[in-house]
């Protein structure tokens, strides 16, 4: 019991001294970036950009390799930020080819899910949004204007 109390007080002291906003932002940014391996937004965006801009015939090869590299880099940065969130510095990890926030392809912008929890409509049960945003490549929306 004594071995557990001192580390708990040390962590509490670090969080108390650091304040709440900066570690909270760093943890949120880290969690968002660490789920990139599931979301694969960087991979989809890089494949799209490579196919449309860089080399139209090589989106399936070069784009996949670049996208996988970016997704792994973002996941690694996210894991690093989750592990080190109570300790300074709290600014985003700087890279020259990754943005601070996760990205999506230009042809798709995620919105709210079509679920009775979000803005319900009494007649149909839902009022719009993405049907399955957790499925990679899902671009079907209900009531899209």
Protein backbone atom coordinates (compact mmCIF):
# COMPACT_ATOMS: atom_id res chain seq x y z
CA UNK A 1 0.00 0.00 0.00
CA UNK A 2 2.81 2.41 0.81
CA UNK A 3 4.40 1.73 -2.57
CA UNK A 4 1.26 2.89 -4.36
CA UNK A 5 0.58 6.05 -2.34
CA UNK A 6 3.77 7.93 -3.25
CA UNK A 7 3.37 7.55 -7.07
CA UNK A 8 -0.28 8.62 -6.77
CA UNK A 9 0.73 11.76 -4.88
CA UNK A 10 3.49 12.46 -7.40
CA UNK A 11 1.08 12.22 -10.35
CA UNK A 12 -1.47 14.39 -8.52
CA UNK A 13 1.22 16.99 -7.78
CA UNK A 14 2.34 17.09 -11.42
CA UNK A 15 -1.25 17.56 -12.60
CA UNK A 16 -1.91 20.21 -9.94
CA UNK A 17 1.20 22.20 -10.88
CA UNK A 18 0.58 21.85 -14.62
CA UNK A 19 -2.98 23.10 -14.54
CA UNK A 20 -5.82 21.44 -16.34
CA UNK A 21 -6.25 22.94 -19.81
CA UNK A 22 -2.89 22.12 -21.38
CA UNK A 23 -2.65 18.45 -20.34
CA UNK A 24 -6.29 17.99 -21.29
CA UNK A 25 -5.66 19.37 -24.79
CA UNK A 26 -2.55 17.25 -25.19
CA UNK A 27 -4.40 14.10 -24.11
CA UNK A 28 -7.31 14.82 -26.45
CA UNK A 29 -4.96 15.50 -29.36
CA UNK A 30 -3.03 12.32 -28.56
CA UNK A 31 -6.17 10.16 -28.40
CA UNK A 32 -7.44 11.63 -31.65
CA UNK A 33 -4.14 10.99 -33.39
CA UNK A 34 -3.63 7.50 -31.92
CA UNK A 35 -6.91 6.27 -33.43
CA UNK A 36 -5.60 7.13 -36.90
CA UNK A 37 -4.67 3.46 -37.34
CA UNK A 38 -8.39 2.62 -37.22
CA UNK A 39 -9.67 5.71 -39.06
CA UNK A 40 -7.10 5.76 -41.90
CA UNK A 41 -7.97 9.33 -42.89
CA UNK A 42 -4.38 10.15 -43.87
CA UNK A 43 -4.19 7.05 -46.04
CA UNK A 44 -7.44 7.85 -47.87
CA UNK A 45 -6.42 11.50 -48.33
CA UNK A 46 -2.95 10.62 -49.62
CA UNK A 47 -4.33 8.07 -52.09
CA UNK A 48 -6.81 10.67 -53.34
CA UNK A 49 -4.21 13.43 -53.63
CA UNK A 50 -1.68 11.16 -55.35
CA UNK A 51 -4.29 9.93 -57.84
CA UNK A 52 -5.54 13.40 -58.69
CA UNK A 53 -2.50 15.65 -58.47
CA UNK A 54 0.90 13.96 -58.27
CA UNK A 55 0.70 11.00 -60.63
CA UNK A 56 -2.73 9.93 -61.83
CA UNK A 57 -1.78 6.32 -62.55
CA UNK A 58 0.05 5.61 -59.31
CA UNK A 59 -2.55 6.29 -56.61
CA UNK A 60 -2.88 2.60 -55.79
CA UNK A 61 0.86 2.07 -55.27
CA UNK A 62 2.68 5.24 -54.26
CA UNK A 63 -0.39 6.69 -52.53
CA UNK A 64 -0.88 3.58 -50.41
CA UNK A 65 2.76 3.55 -49.30
CA UNK A 66 2.80 7.28 -48.48
CA UNK A 67 -0.58 7.05 -46.77
CA UNK A 68 0.50 4.09 -44.64
CA UNK A 69 3.63 6.00 -43.65
CA UNK A 70 1.61 9.07 -42.64
CA UNK A 71 -0.94 6.98 -40.73
CA UNK A 72 1.79 5.20 -38.77
CA UNK A 73 3.57 8.50 -38.04
CA UNK A 74 0.34 10.09 -36.78
CA UNK A 75 -0.44 7.02 -34.65
CA UNK A 76 3.06 7.10 -33.14
CA UNK A 77 2.78 10.80 -32.34
CA UNK A 78 -0.62 10.16 -30.75
CA UNK A 79 0.72 7.37 -28.55
CA UNK A 80 3.64 9.59 -27.52
CA UNK A 81 1.26 12.43 -26.57
CA UNK A 82 -1.02 10.10 -24.59
CA UNK A 83 1.93 8.73 -22.61
CA UNK A 84 3.48 12.14 -21.92
CA UNK A 85 0.31 14.24 -21.46
CA UNK A 86 0.94 15.24 -17.82
CA UNK A 87 4.42 16.57 -18.58
CA UNK A 88 5.44 19.75 -20.45
CA UNK A 89 5.81 20.83 -23.26
CA UNK A 90 2.14 20.90 -24.20
CA UNK A 91 2.39 22.23 -27.75
CA UNK A 92 1.77 19.82 -30.66
CA UNK A 93 4.65 17.69 -31.88
CA UNK A 94 6.01 19.47 -34.95
CA UNK A 95 6.45 17.59 -38.20
CA UNK A 96 6.89 19.05 -41.63
CA UNK A 97 4.38 16.80 -43.39
CA UNK A 98 1.61 16.19 -40.79
CA UNK A 99 -0.99 18.67 -39.62
CA UNK A 100 -1.93 18.99 -35.95
CA UNK A 101 -5.46 17.62 -36.42
CA UNK A 102 -6.39 14.41 -38.26
CA UNK A 103 -7.43 14.89 -41.88
CA UNK A 104 -10.06 13.45 -44.20
CA UNK A 105 -10.09 13.22 -48.00
CA UNK A 106 -11.19 16.41 -49.76
CA UNK A 107 -14.09 14.55 -51.35
CA UNK A 108 -15.56 13.61 -47.95
CA UNK A 109 -16.18 15.64 -44.81
CA UNK A 110 -17.43 13.67 -41.80
CA UNK A 111 -20.64 14.85 -40.16
CA UNK A 112 -22.88 13.62 -37.35
CA UNK A 113 -24.22 10.07 -37.53
CA UNK A 114 -27.85 9.55 -38.46
CA UNK A 115 -28.98 8.48 -35.02
CA UNK A 116 -31.99 9.34 -32.85
CA UNK A 117 -29.52 10.73 -30.31
CA UNK A 118 -28.60 13.63 -32.63
CA UNK A 119 -31.37 16.07 -33.63
CA UNK A 120 -34.25 13.61 -33.82
CA UNK A 121 -37.17 14.07 -36.16
CA UNK A 122 -40.51 12.80 -34.84
CA UNK A 123 -41.71 11.46 -38.20
CA UNK A 124 -38.73 9.53 -39.49
CA UNK A 125 -36.66 8.91 -36.34
CA UNK A 126 -33.58 10.73 -37.63
CA UNK A 127 -32.82 13.98 -39.37
CA UNK A 128 -29.66 13.35 -41.35
CA UNK A 129 -25.97 12.71 -41.12
CA UNK A 130 -23.62 9.87 -42.00
CA UNK A 131 -24.99 6.36 -41.97
CA UNK A 132 -21.76 4.56 -41.07
CA UNK A 133 -18.86 6.99 -40.50
CA UNK A 134 -16.89 4.29 -38.68
CA UNK A 135 -16.67 2.24 -41.92
CA UNK A 136 -13.69 3.40 -44.02
CA UNK A 137 -14.88 4.81 -47.35
CA UNK A 138 -18.52 5.21 -46.29
CA UNK A 139 -19.82 8.32 -47.99
CA UNK A 140 -23.56 7.70 -47.89
CA UNK A 141 -25.56 10.43 -46.15
CA UNK A 142 -29.25 10.76 -45.40
CA UNK A 143 -31.01 14.02 -46.24
CA UNK A 144 -27.83 15.51 -47.69
CA UNK A 145 -28.59 18.96 -49.14
